[in-house]
């Protein structure tokens, strides 16, 4: 099992906040630090300091960490041309000495697109499929050869397909709730399938959908890493959990909804053991208050040492 810290900086966080979380996660033994790729929080209540760009942030973190994996969960295909994205990720991979992972999705928040003048096509799944083909195709094109692509949304003509990432294959994460099309994209292009934020009882069916997709495209489903993300409220007692929930205008009872990861080391350990039994191999602990560095410290010092590896 692998364990990553996952944050949502659009809720209100500076680069310095993210750096503190990433360096603490590395020091405490987590496997990865991942962030969302958004330019706004949903709704009108926007908080200072405002948005930070995902790949600009990860470039900085690449130079200020040394071991931890770094990536997006997930970048939106509407934000960057796939040729530019391939260059950006390859460059950050070199800056990190080969520690980058790319999560790529179709995007969903129309409000942030309107706010920053970013086109928001009504149908984006075809764009996602083409961008996965282009980014992975550019990276695997042999040196001294060129890459061309003709699709409904993108056209590349004799690209030099440079630079190359430092890793032989940058991990690519695809995920979502869809029963057929999303699992099939993961089977064709990804190294990791992320189930999103599923309830325990939903996991077997989602994994069955993935196995069926792999069978359709002729891929061994065991070659895909299986992961999920979950909002996390950890603490030594209910009072501590309640304080963390209150920062997000929720109560301890509300966050104990049977889906979120909530509790002390023993309670969280029981939940992780259930995930492991179902075949999950990586867990993203989604922490929603980036000023609460103590949350990372508690998870790393009191919970992480007792989790299955």
C-alpha atoms as a PDB file:
ATOM      1  CA  UNK A   1       0.000   0.000   0.000  1.00  0.00           C
ATOM      2  CA  UNK A   2       1.043   3.554  -0.734  1.00  0.00           C
ATOM      3  CA  UNK A   3      -0.160   6.667   1.071  1.00  0.00           C
ATOM      4  CA  UNK A   4      -0.280  10.189  -0.348  1.00  0.00           C
ATOM      5  CA  UNK A   5      -1.294  13.614   0.879  1.00  0.00           C
ATOM      6  CA  UNK A   6      -3.810  15.259  -1.468  1.00  0.00           C
ATOM      7  CA  UNK A   7      -4.745  18.948  -1.181  1.00  0.00           C
ATOM      8  CA  UNK A   8      -7.159  21.421  -2.774  1.00  0.00           C
ATOM      9  CA  UNK A   9      -5.260  24.744  -2.879  1.00  0.00           C
ATOM     10  CA  UNK A  10      -8.144  26.579  -4.547  1.00  0.00           C
ATOM     11  CA  UNK A  11      -9.842  26.521  -1.140  1.00  0.00           C
ATOM     12  CA  UNK A  12      -7.270  29.066   0.056  1.00  0.00           C
ATOM     13  CA  UNK A  13      -3.548  28.310   0.116  1.00  0.00           C
ATOM     14  CA  UNK A  14      -0.308  29.945  -0.917  1.00  0.00           C
ATOM     15  CA  UNK A  15       2.699  28.253  -2.464  1.00  0.00           C
ATOM     16  CA  UNK A  16       4.284  28.436   0.998  1.00  0.00           C
ATOM     17  CA  UNK A  17       1.370  26.503   2.519  1.00  0.00           C
ATOM     18  CA  UNK A  18       1.748  23.785  -0.094  1.00  0.00           C
ATOM     19  CA  UNK A  19       5.514  23.662   0.363  1.00  0.00           C
ATOM     20  CA  UNK A  20       5.091  23.166   4.120  1.00  0.00           C
ATOM     21  CA  UNK A  21       2.648  20.297   3.537  1.00  0.00           C
ATOM     22  CA  UNK A  22       4.846  18.634   0.893  1.00  0.00           C
ATOM     23  CA  UNK A  23       8.011  18.843   2.973  1.00  0.00           C
ATOM     24  CA  UNK A  24       6.210  17.554   6.066  1.00  0.00           C
ATOM     25  CA  UNK A  25       4.736  14.688   4.044  1.00  0.00           C
ATOM     26  CA  UNK A  26       8.195  13.783   2.766  1.00  0.00           C
ATOM     27  CA  UNK A  27       9.785  13.971   6.229  1.00  0.00           C
ATOM     28  CA  UNK A  28       7.031  11.850   7.787  1.00  0.00           C
ATOM     29  CA  UNK A  29       7.257   9.032   5.243  1.00  0.00           C
ATOM     30  CA  UNK A  30       4.311   9.544   2.904  1.00  0.00           C
ATOM     31  CA  UNK A  31       4.765   8.294  -0.650  1.00  0.00           C
ATOM     32  CA  UNK A  32       3.369  11.256  -2.537  1.00  0.00           C
ATOM     33  CA  UNK A  33       2.066  14.819  -2.489  1.00  0.00           C
ATOM     34  CA  UNK A  34      -0.697  15.546  -4.989  1.00  0.00           C
ATOM     35  CA  UNK A  35      -2.803  18.608  -5.613  1.00  0.00           C
ATOM     36  CA  UNK A  36      -5.950  19.453  -7.511  1.00  0.00           C
ATOM     37  CA  UNK A  37      -5.828  21.572 -10.674  1.00  0.00           C
ATOM     38  CA  UNK A  38      -8.384  24.357 -10.193  1.00  0.00           C
ATOM     39  CA  UNK A  39      -8.371  28.139 -10.499  1.00  0.00           C
ATOM     40  CA  UNK A  40     -11.411  28.717  -8.262  1.00  0.00           C
ATOM     41  CA  UNK A  41     -13.386  27.111  -5.496  1.00  0.00           C
ATOM     42  CA  UNK A  42     -17.004  26.505  -6.378  1.00  0.00           C
ATOM     43  CA  UNK A  43     -19.395  29.254  -5.270  1.00  0.00           C
ATOM     44  CA  UNK A  44     -18.854  32.957  -4.668  1.00  0.00           C
ATOM     45  CA  UNK A  45     -16.836  32.670  -1.438  1.00  0.00           C
ATOM     46  CA  UNK A  46     -13.298  32.977  -2.794  1.00  0.00           C
ATOM     47  CA  UNK A  47     -10.487  33.153  -0.248  1.00  0.00           C
ATOM     48  CA  UNK A  48      -7.074  34.761  -0.256  1.00  0.00           C
ATOM     49  CA  UNK A  49      -4.490  34.443  -1.636  1.00  0.00           C
ATOM     50  CA  UNK A  50      -6.367  33.168  -4.676  1.00  0.00           C
ATOM     51  CA  UNK A  51      -5.395  30.407  -7.087  1.00  0.00           C
ATOM     52  CA  UNK A  52      -2.019  28.842  -7.706  1.00  0.00           C
ATOM     53  CA  UNK A  53      -1.208  27.066 -10.950  1.00  0.00           C
ATOM     54  CA  UNK A  54      -0.760  23.322 -10.478  1.00  0.00           C
ATOM     55  CA  UNK A  55       2.269  22.756 -12.697  1.00  0.00           C
ATOM     56  CA  UNK A  56       4.013  25.951 -11.662  1.00  0.00           C
ATOM     57  CA  UNK A  57       3.592  24.824  -8.057  1.00  0.00           C
ATOM     58  CA  UNK A  58       4.853  21.320  -8.774  1.00  0.00           C
ATOM     59  CA  UNK A  59       7.903  22.733 -10.547  1.00  0.00           C
ATOM     60  CA  UNK A  60       8.789  24.619  -7.382  1.00  0.00           C
ATOM     61  CA  UNK A  61       8.167  21.614  -5.170  1.00  0.00           C
ATOM     62  CA  UNK A  62      10.320  19.488  -7.476  1.00  0.00           C
ATOM     63  CA  UNK A  63      13.310  21.608  -6.476  1.00  0.00           C
ATOM     64  CA  UNK A  64      12.436  21.758  -2.770  1.00  0.00           C
ATOM     65  CA  UNK A  65      11.821  18.057  -2.115  1.00  0.00           C
ATOM     66  CA  UNK A  66      13.988  15.034  -2.835  1.00  0.00           C
ATOM     67  CA  UNK A  67      12.029  11.780  -2.479  1.00  0.00           C
ATOM     68  CA  UNK A  68       8.262  12.195  -2.505  1.00  0.00           C
ATOM     69  CA  UNK A  69       6.195  11.618  -5.660  1.00  0.00           C
ATOM     70  CA  UNK A  70       4.520  14.756  -7.048  1.00  0.00           C
ATOM     71  CA  UNK A  71       1.474  15.068  -9.262  1.00  0.00           C
ATOM     72  CA  UNK A  72      -2.014  16.273 -10.092  1.00  0.00           C
ATOM     73  CA  UNK A  73      -5.317  14.695  -9.174  1.00  0.00           C
ATOM     74  CA  UNK A  74      -6.284  15.746 -11.724  1.00  0.00           C
ATOM     75  CA  UNK A  75      -5.323  18.262 -14.410  1.00  0.00           C
ATOM     76  CA  UNK A  76      -8.141  19.408 -16.672  1.00  0.00           C
ATOM     77  CA  UNK A  77      -7.832  18.942 -20.436  1.00  0.00           C
ATOM     78  CA  UNK A  78      -9.420  22.364 -20.904  1.00  0.00           C
ATOM     79  CA  UNK A  79      -6.523  24.208 -19.243  1.00  0.00           C
ATOM     80  CA  UNK A  80      -3.561  23.309 -21.476  1.00  0.00           C
ATOM     81  CA  UNK A  81      -2.904  22.218 -25.043  1.00  0.00           C
ATOM     82  CA  UNK A  82      -1.683  18.611 -24.878  1.00  0.00           C
ATOM     83  CA  UNK A  83       1.575  19.425 -26.642  1.00  0.00           C
ATOM     84  CA  UNK A  84       2.359  22.118 -24.068  1.00  0.00           C
ATOM     85  CA  UNK A  85       1.271  19.852 -21.206  1.00  0.00           C
ATOM     86  CA  UNK A  86       3.640  17.117 -22.411  1.00  0.00           C
ATOM     87  CA  UNK A  87       6.513  19.620 -22.386  1.00  0.00           C
ATOM     88  CA  UNK A  88       5.578  20.967 -18.946  1.00  0.00           C
ATOM     89  CA  UNK A  89       5.304  17.561 -17.304  1.00  0.00           C
ATOM     90  CA  UNK A  90       8.507  16.298 -18.911  1.00  0.00           C
ATOM     91  CA  UNK A  91      10.346  19.387 -17.693  1.00  0.00           C
ATOM     92  CA  UNK A  92       9.040  19.061 -14.125  1.00  0.00           C
ATOM     93  CA  UNK A  93       9.954  15.378 -14.227  1.00  0.00           C
ATOM     94  CA  UNK A  94      13.553  16.325 -15.024  1.00  0.00           C
ATOM     95  CA  UNK A  95      13.489  18.998 -12.303  1.00  0.00           C
ATOM     96  CA  UNK A  96      12.362  16.362  -9.783  1.00  0.00           C
ATOM     97  CA  UNK A  97      14.815  13.660 -10.936  1.00  0.00           C
ATOM     98  CA  UNK A  98      11.950  11.486 -12.149  1.00  0.00           C
ATOM     99  CA  UNK A  99       9.256  11.818  -9.474  1.00  0.00           C
ATOM    100  CA  UNK A 100       6.297  13.234 -11.412  1.00  0.00           C
ATOM    101  CA  UNK A 101       2.887  11.661 -12.067  1.00  0.00           C
ATOM    102  CA  UNK A 102       0.135  13.055 -14.296  1.00  0.00           C
ATOM    103  CA  UNK A 103      -3.522  12.758 -13.439  1.00  0.00           C
ATOM    104  CA  UNK A 104      -5.669  13.899 -16.364  1.00  0.00           C
ATOM    105  CA  UNK A 105      -9.424  14.427 -16.507  1.00  0.00           C
ATOM    106  CA  UNK A 106     -12.136  16.135 -18.518  1.00  0.00           C
ATOM    107  CA  UNK A 107     -12.717  19.074 -16.154  1.00  0.00           C
ATOM    108  CA  UNK A 108     -16.078  19.996 -14.674  1.00  0.00           C
ATOM    109  CA  UNK A 109     -16.271  23.468 -13.075  1.00  0.00           C
ATOM    110  CA  UNK A 110     -17.752  25.773 -15.712  1.00  0.00           C
ATOM    111  CA  UNK A 111     -17.632  28.735 -13.320  1.00  0.00           C
ATOM    112  CA  UNK A 112     -13.817  28.876 -13.218  1.00  0.00           C
ATOM    113  CA  UNK A 113     -13.627  28.712 -17.003  1.00  0.00           C
ATOM    114  CA  UNK A 114     -15.930  31.720 -17.354  1.00  0.00           C
ATOM    115  CA  UNK A 115     -14.005  33.614 -14.675  1.00  0.00           C
ATOM    116  CA  UNK A 116     -10.632  33.228 -16.417  1.00  0.00           C
ATOM    117  CA  UNK A 117     -11.758  33.205 -20.044  1.00  0.00           C
ATOM    118  CA  UNK A 118     -11.039  29.523 -20.641  1.00  0.00           C
ATOM    119  CA  UNK A 119     -13.221  27.789 -23.266  1.00  0.00           C
ATOM    120  CA  UNK A 120     -15.501  25.132 -21.762  1.00  0.00           C
ATOM    121  CA  UNK A 121     -16.846  22.793 -24.461  1.00  0.00           C
ATOM    122  CA  UNK A 122     -20.054  21.007 -23.607  1.00  0.00           C
ATOM    123  CA  UNK A 123     -18.571  17.675 -24.657  1.00  0.00           C
ATOM    124  CA  UNK A 124     -15.098  17.009 -23.295  1.00  0.00           C
ATOM    125  CA  UNK A 125     -14.667  13.244 -23.138  1.00  0.00           C
ATOM    126  CA  UNK A 126     -13.393  13.102 -26.720  1.00  0.00           C
ATOM    127  CA  UNK A 127     -10.880  15.822 -25.869  1.00  0.00           C
ATOM    128  CA  UNK A 128      -9.674  13.759 -22.903  1.00  0.00           C
ATOM    129  CA  UNK A 129      -9.215  10.708 -25.102  1.00  0.00           C
ATOM    130  CA  UNK A 130      -7.205  12.656 -27.672  1.00  0.00           C
ATOM    131  CA  UNK A 131      -5.041  14.353 -25.056  1.00  0.00           C
ATOM    132  CA  UNK A 132      -4.162  11.035 -23.437  1.00  0.00           C
ATOM    133  CA  UNK A 133      -3.179   9.681 -26.849  1.00  0.00           C
ATOM    134  CA  UNK A 134      -1.119  12.777 -27.656  1.00  0.00           C
ATOM    135  CA  UNK A 135       0.729  13.175 -24.353  1.00  0.00           C
ATOM    136  CA  UNK A 136       1.654   9.507 -24.063  1.00  0.00           C
ATOM    137  CA  UNK A 137       2.433   9.350 -27.780  1.00  0.00           C
ATOM    138  CA  UNK A 138       4.816  12.308 -27.604  1.00  0.00           C
ATOM    139  CA  UNK A 139       6.680  10.788 -24.668  1.00  0.00           C
ATOM    140  CA  UNK A 140       7.151   7.366 -26.217  1.00  0.00           C
ATOM    141  CA  UNK A 141       8.167   8.595 -29.679  1.00  0.00           C
ATOM    142  CA  UNK A 142      11.802   7.544 -30.169  1.00  0.00           C
ATOM    143  CA  UNK A 143      14.419  10.283 -30.177  1.00  0.00           C
ATOM    144  CA  UNK A 144      15.144  11.479 -33.749  1.00  0.00           C
ATOM    145  CA  UNK A 145      11.616  10.528 -34.831  1.00  0.00           C
ATOM    146  CA  UNK A 146       8.576  12.791 -35.051  1.00  0.00           C
ATOM    147  CA  UNK A 147       4.995  12.499 -33.828  1.00  0.00           C
ATOM    148  CA  UNK A 148       1.898  13.476 -35.796  1.00  0.00           C
ATOM    149  CA  UNK A 149      -1.748  13.301 -34.776  1.00  0.00           C
ATOM    150  CA  UNK A 150      -5.010  14.107 -36.540  1.00  0.00           C
ATOM    151  CA  UNK A 151      -8.134  14.148 -34.395  1.00  0.00           C
ATOM    152  CA  UNK A 152     -11.444  15.936 -34.069  1.00  0.00           C
ATOM    153  CA  UNK A 153     -10.029  18.375 -31.514  1.00  0.00           C
ATOM    154  CA  UNK A 154      -6.243  18.438 -31.932  1.00  0.00           C
ATOM    155  CA  UNK A 155      -3.777  18.264 -34.803  1.00  0.00           C
ATOM    156  CA  UNK A 156      -0.007  17.873 -34.421  1.00  0.00           C
ATOM    157  CA  UNK A 157       2.261  17.818 -37.478  1.00  0.00           C
ATOM    158  CA  UNK A 158       5.751  16.271 -37.276  1.00  0.00           C
ATOM    159  CA  UNK A 159       6.385  17.290 -33.688  1.00  0.00           C
ATOM    160  CA  UNK A 160       9.967  16.630 -32.532  1.00  0.00           C
ATOM    161  CA  UNK A 161       8.322  15.157 -29.427  1.00  0.00           C
ATOM    162  CA  UNK A 162      10.833  16.769 -27.091  1.00  0.00           C
ATOM    163  CA  UNK A 163      11.761  17.007 -24.290  1.00  0.00           C
ATOM    164  CA  UNK A 164      11.495  13.483 -22.964  1.00  0.00           C
ATOM    165  CA  UNK A 165      10.682  12.831 -19.306  1.00  0.00           C
ATOM    166  CA  UNK A 166      13.451  11.449 -17.145  1.00  0.00           C
ATOM    167  CA  UNK A 167      11.311   8.455 -16.232  1.00  0.00           C
ATOM    168  CA  UNK A 168      11.037   5.743 -18.833  1.00  0.00           C
ATOM    169  CA  UNK A 169       7.269   5.999 -18.364  1.00  0.00           C
ATOM    170  CA  UNK A 170       5.610   8.805 -16.439  1.00  0.00           C
ATOM    171  CA  UNK A 171       2.736   7.329 -14.410  1.00  0.00           C
ATOM    172  CA  UNK A 172      -0.612   8.453 -15.837  1.00  0.00           C
ATOM    173  CA  UNK A 173      -3.698   8.457 -13.603  1.00  0.00           C
ATOM    174  CA  UNK A 174      -7.223   8.213 -15.007  1.00  0.00           C
ATOM    175  CA  UNK A 175     -10.308   7.846 -12.878  1.00  0.00           C
ATOM    176  CA  UNK A 176     -13.970   8.494 -12.336  1.00  0.00           C
ATOM    177  CA  UNK A 177     -17.340   6.947 -11.683  1.00  0.00           C
ATOM    178  CA  UNK A 178     -18.326   6.018 -15.252  1.00  0.00           C
ATOM    179  CA  UNK A 179     -19.078   2.312 -15.752  1.00  0.00           C
ATOM    180  CA  UNK A 180     -17.595   1.866 -19.237  1.00  0.00           C
ATOM    181  CA  UNK A 181     -15.881   4.754 -21.059  1.00  0.00           C
ATOM    182  CA  UNK A 182     -13.629   5.960 -18.228  1.00  0.00           C
ATOM    183  CA  UNK A 183     -12.399   2.467 -17.272  1.00  0.00           C
ATOM    184  CA  UNK A 184     -11.687   1.801 -20.939  1.00  0.00           C
ATOM    185  CA  UNK A 185      -9.594   4.970 -21.223  1.00  0.00           C
ATOM    186  CA  UNK A 186      -7.664   3.866 -18.146  1.00  0.00           C
ATOM    187  CA  UNK A 187      -7.144   0.431 -19.646  1.00  0.00           C
ATOM    188  CA  UNK A 188      -5.773   1.960 -22.853  1.00  0.00           C
ATOM    189  CA  UNK A 189      -3.580   4.758 -21.526  1.00  0.00           C
ATOM    190  CA  UNK A 190      -3.121   4.783 -17.753  1.00  0.00           C
ATOM    191  CA  UNK A 191      -0.811   3.190 -15.238  1.00  0.00           C
ATOM    192  CA  UNK A 192      -3.249   3.886 -12.377  1.00  0.00           C
ATOM    193  CA  UNK A 193      -7.027   3.775 -12.088  1.00  0.00           C
ATOM    194  CA  UNK A 194      -8.455   6.054  -9.414  1.00  0.00           C
ATOM    195  CA  UNK A 195     -11.918   5.234  -8.124  1.00  0.00           C
ATOM    196  CA  UNK A 196     -12.507   8.753  -6.835  1.00  0.00           C
ATOM    197  CA  UNK A 197     -14.382   8.952  -3.532  1.00  0.00           C
ATOM    198  CA  UNK A 198     -16.330   5.672  -3.366  1.00  0.00           C
ATOM    199  CA  UNK A 199     -18.296   4.206  -0.502  1.00  0.00           C
ATOM    200  CA  UNK A 200     -16.989   0.771   0.497  1.00  0.00           C
ATOM    201  CA  UNK A 201     -19.943  -1.003  -1.071  1.00  0.00           C
ATOM    202  CA  UNK A 202     -19.305   0.695  -4.438  1.00  0.00           C
ATOM    203  CA  UNK A 203     -15.726  -0.497  -4.815  1.00  0.00           C
ATOM    204  CA  UNK A 204     -16.324  -4.091  -6.041  1.00  0.00           C
ATOM    205  CA  UNK A 205     -18.541  -2.982  -8.926  1.00  0.00           C
ATOM    206  CA  UNK A 206     -16.134  -0.253 -10.030  1.00  0.00           C
ATOM    207  CA  UNK A 207     -13.289  -2.742 -10.051  1.00  0.00           C
ATOM    208  CA  UNK A 208     -15.437  -5.184 -12.007  1.00  0.00           C
ATOM    209  CA  UNK A 209     -16.044  -2.432 -14.581  1.00  0.00           C
ATOM    210  CA  UNK A 210     -12.290  -1.921 -14.876  1.00  0.00           C
ATOM    211  CA  UNK A 211     -11.591  -5.639 -15.312  1.00  0.00           C
ATOM    212  CA  UNK A 212     -14.208  -5.786 -18.072  1.00  0.00           C
ATOM    213  CA  UNK A 213     -12.641  -2.786 -19.804  1.00  0.00           C
ATOM    214  CA  UNK A 214      -9.198  -4.349 -19.642  1.00  0.00           C
ATOM    215  CA  UNK A 215     -10.568  -7.532 -21.158  1.00  0.00           C
ATOM    216  CA  UNK A 216     -12.087  -5.556 -24.045  1.00  0.00           C
ATOM    217  CA  UNK A 217      -8.754  -3.914 -24.931  1.00  0.00           C
ATOM    218  CA  UNK A 218      -6.610  -6.968 -24.211  1.00  0.00           C
ATOM    219  CA  UNK A 219      -4.790  -5.661 -21.139  1.00  0.00           C
ATOM    220  CA  UNK A 220      -3.956  -7.496 -17.931  1.00  0.00           C
ATOM    221  CA  UNK A 221      -5.968  -5.652 -15.279  1.00  0.00           C
ATOM    222  CA  UNK A 222      -3.306  -6.432 -12.686  1.00  0.00           C
ATOM    223  CA  UNK A 223      -0.914  -4.109 -14.541  1.00  0.00           C
ATOM    224  CA  UNK A 224      -2.986  -1.120 -13.363  1.00  0.00           C
ATOM    225  CA  UNK A 225      -2.449   0.332  -9.895  1.00  0.00           C
ATOM    226  CA  UNK A 226      -5.751   0.788  -8.034  1.00  0.00           C
ATOM    227  CA  UNK A 227      -6.301   3.874  -5.907  1.00  0.00           C
ATOM    228  CA  UNK A 228      -8.924   6.019  -4.249  1.00  0.00           C
ATOM    229  CA  UNK A 229      -9.086   9.428  -2.610  1.00  0.00           C
ATOM    230  CA  UNK A 230     -11.030  10.275   0.530  1.00  0.00           C
ATOM    231  CA  UNK A 231     -11.644  13.385   2.594  1.00  0.00           C
ATOM    232  CA  UNK A 232      -9.847  12.802   5.876  1.00  0.00           C
ATOM    233  CA  UNK A 233     -10.475  14.083   9.402  1.00  0.00           C
ATOM    234  CA  UNK A 234      -7.935  12.533  11.740  1.00  0.00           C
ATOM    235  CA  UNK A 235      -7.401  13.183  15.426  1.00  0.00           C
ATOM    236  CA  UNK A 236      -6.684  11.605  18.767  1.00  0.00           C
ATOM    237  CA  UNK A 237     -10.254  12.181  20.002  1.00  0.00           C
ATOM    238  CA  UNK A 238     -13.635  13.530  18.930  1.00  0.00           C
ATOM    239  CA  UNK A 239     -12.772  17.016  20.165  1.00  0.00           C
ATOM    240  CA  UNK A 240      -9.790  17.216  17.827  1.00  0.00           C
ATOM    241  CA  UNK A 241     -11.807  15.815  14.942  1.00  0.00           C
ATOM    242  CA  UNK A 242     -14.566  18.296  15.703  1.00  0.00           C
ATOM    243  CA  UNK A 243     -12.134  21.220  15.581  1.00  0.00           C
ATOM    244  CA  UNK A 244     -10.955  20.123  12.137  1.00  0.00           C
ATOM    245  CA  UNK A 245     -14.502  19.682  10.887  1.00  0.00           C
ATOM    246  CA  UNK A 246     -15.498  23.090  12.258  1.00  0.00           C
ATOM    247  CA  UNK A 247     -12.824  24.818  10.169  1.00  0.00           C
ATOM    248  CA  UNK A 248     -14.832  23.600   7.177  1.00  0.00           C
ATOM    249  CA  UNK A 249     -18.185  24.609   8.680  1.00  0.00           C
ATOM    250  CA  UNK A 250     -19.089  21.033   9.509  1.00  0.00           C
ATOM    251  CA  UNK A 251     -19.557  19.035  12.683  1.00  0.00           C
ATOM    252  CA  UNK A 252     -17.836  15.845  13.749  1.00  0.00           C
ATOM    253  CA  UNK A 253     -21.130  14.032  13.261  1.00  0.00           C
ATOM    254  CA  UNK A 254     -21.486  15.365   9.722  1.00  0.00           C
ATOM    255  CA  UNK A 255     -18.025  14.227   8.628  1.00  0.00           C
ATOM    256  CA  UNK A 256     -18.671  10.775  10.103  1.00  0.00           C
ATOM    257  CA  UNK A 257     -20.836   9.940   7.097  1.00  0.00           C
ATOM    258  CA  UNK A 258     -19.504   6.424   6.514  1.00  0.00           C
ATOM    259  CA  UNK A 259     -17.544   7.552   3.446  1.00  0.00           C
ATOM    260  CA  UNK A 260     -14.915   9.976   4.761  1.00  0.00           C
ATOM    261  CA  UNK A 261     -11.846   8.648   6.557  1.00  0.00           C
ATOM    262  CA  UNK A 262     -12.405   9.770  10.151  1.00  0.00           C
ATOM    263  CA  UNK A 263     -10.910   8.864  13.498  1.00  0.00           C
ATOM    264  CA  UNK A 264      -7.789   8.050  15.418  1.00  0.00           C
ATOM    265  CA  UNK A 265      -5.002   5.701  14.381  1.00  0.00           C
ATOM    266  CA  UNK A 266      -6.957   2.544  15.206  1.00  0.00           C
ATOM    267  CA  UNK A 267     -10.132   3.607  13.420  1.00  0.00           C
ATOM    268  CA  UNK A 268      -8.276   4.754  10.318  1.00  0.00           C
ATOM    269  CA  UNK A 269      -6.231   1.554  10.353  1.00  0.00           C
ATOM    270  CA  UNK A 270      -9.433  -0.499  10.247  1.00  0.00           C
ATOM    271  CA  UNK A 271     -10.698   1.440   7.222  1.00  0.00           C
ATOM    272  CA  UNK A 272      -7.404   1.100   5.354  1.00  0.00           C
ATOM    273  CA  UNK A 273      -7.386  -2.639   6.039  1.00  0.00           C
ATOM    274  CA  UNK A 274     -10.798  -2.886   4.361  1.00  0.00           C
ATOM    275  CA  UNK A 275      -9.469  -1.052   1.315  1.00  0.00           C
ATOM    276  CA  UNK A 276      -6.486  -3.407   1.154  1.00  0.00           C
ATOM    277  CA  UNK A 277      -8.794  -6.433   1.295  1.00  0.00           C
ATOM    278  CA  UNK A 278     -10.707  -5.052  -1.706  1.00  0.00           C
ATOM    279  CA  UNK A 279      -7.522  -4.646  -3.739  1.00  0.00           C
ATOM    280  CA  UNK A 280      -6.785  -0.923  -3.314  1.00  0.00           C
ATOM    281  CA  UNK A 281      -3.050  -0.228  -3.545  1.00  0.00           C
ATOM    282  CA  UNK A 282      -2.821   3.545  -2.997  1.00  0.00           C
ATOM    283  CA  UNK A 283      -4.828   5.900  -0.764  1.00  0.00           C
ATOM    284  CA  UNK A 284      -4.917   9.682  -1.157  1.00  0.00           C
ATOM    285  CA  UNK A 285      -5.722  11.401   2.147  1.00  0.00           C
ATOM    286  CA  UNK A 286      -7.556  14.560   1.065  1.00  0.00           C
ATOM    287  CA  UNK A 287      -6.799  17.333   3.583  1.00  0.00           C
ATOM    288  CA  UNK A 288      -8.954  20.410   3.076  1.00  0.00           C
ATOM    289  CA  UNK A 289      -7.367  22.932   5.470  1.00  0.00           C
ATOM    290  CA  UNK A 290      -3.893  23.865   4.241  1.00  0.00           C
ATOM    291  CA  UNK A 291      -3.163  25.968   7.303  1.00  0.00           C
ATOM    292  CA  UNK A 292      -3.523  22.905   9.557  1.00  0.00           C
ATOM    293  CA  UNK A 293      -0.019  21.476   9.325  1.00  0.00           C
ATOM    294  CA  UNK A 294      -0.716  19.553  12.516  1.00  0.00           C
ATOM    295  CA  UNK A 295      -3.099  17.366  10.540  1.00  0.00           C
ATOM    296  CA  UNK A 296      -0.215  16.113   8.396  1.00  0.00           C
ATOM    297  CA  UNK A 297       1.926  15.691  11.512  1.00  0.00           C
ATOM    298  CA  UNK A 298      -0.722  13.601  13.268  1.00  0.00           C
ATOM    299  CA  UNK A 299      -1.331  11.387  10.238  1.00  0.00           C
ATOM    300  CA  UNK A 300       2.374  10.881   9.661  1.00  0.00           C
ATOM    301  CA  UNK A 301       3.492  10.349  13.250  1.00  0.00           C
ATOM    302  CA  UNK A 302       0.509   8.536  14.791  1.00  0.00           C
ATOM    303  CA  UNK A 303      -1.337   6.833  11.921  1.00  0.00           C
ATOM    304  CA  UNK A 304       1.068   6.078   9.072  1.00  0.00           C
ATOM    305  CA  UNK A 305       3.444   3.788  11.045  1.00  0.00           C
ATOM    306  CA  UNK A 306       0.543   1.429  11.811  1.00  0.00           C
ATOM    307  CA  UNK A 307      -0.903   1.143   8.306  1.00  0.00           C
ATOM    308  CA  UNK A 308      -0.322  -1.914   6.071  1.00  0.00           C
ATOM    309  CA  UNK A 309       2.395  -1.631   3.462  1.00  0.00           C
END
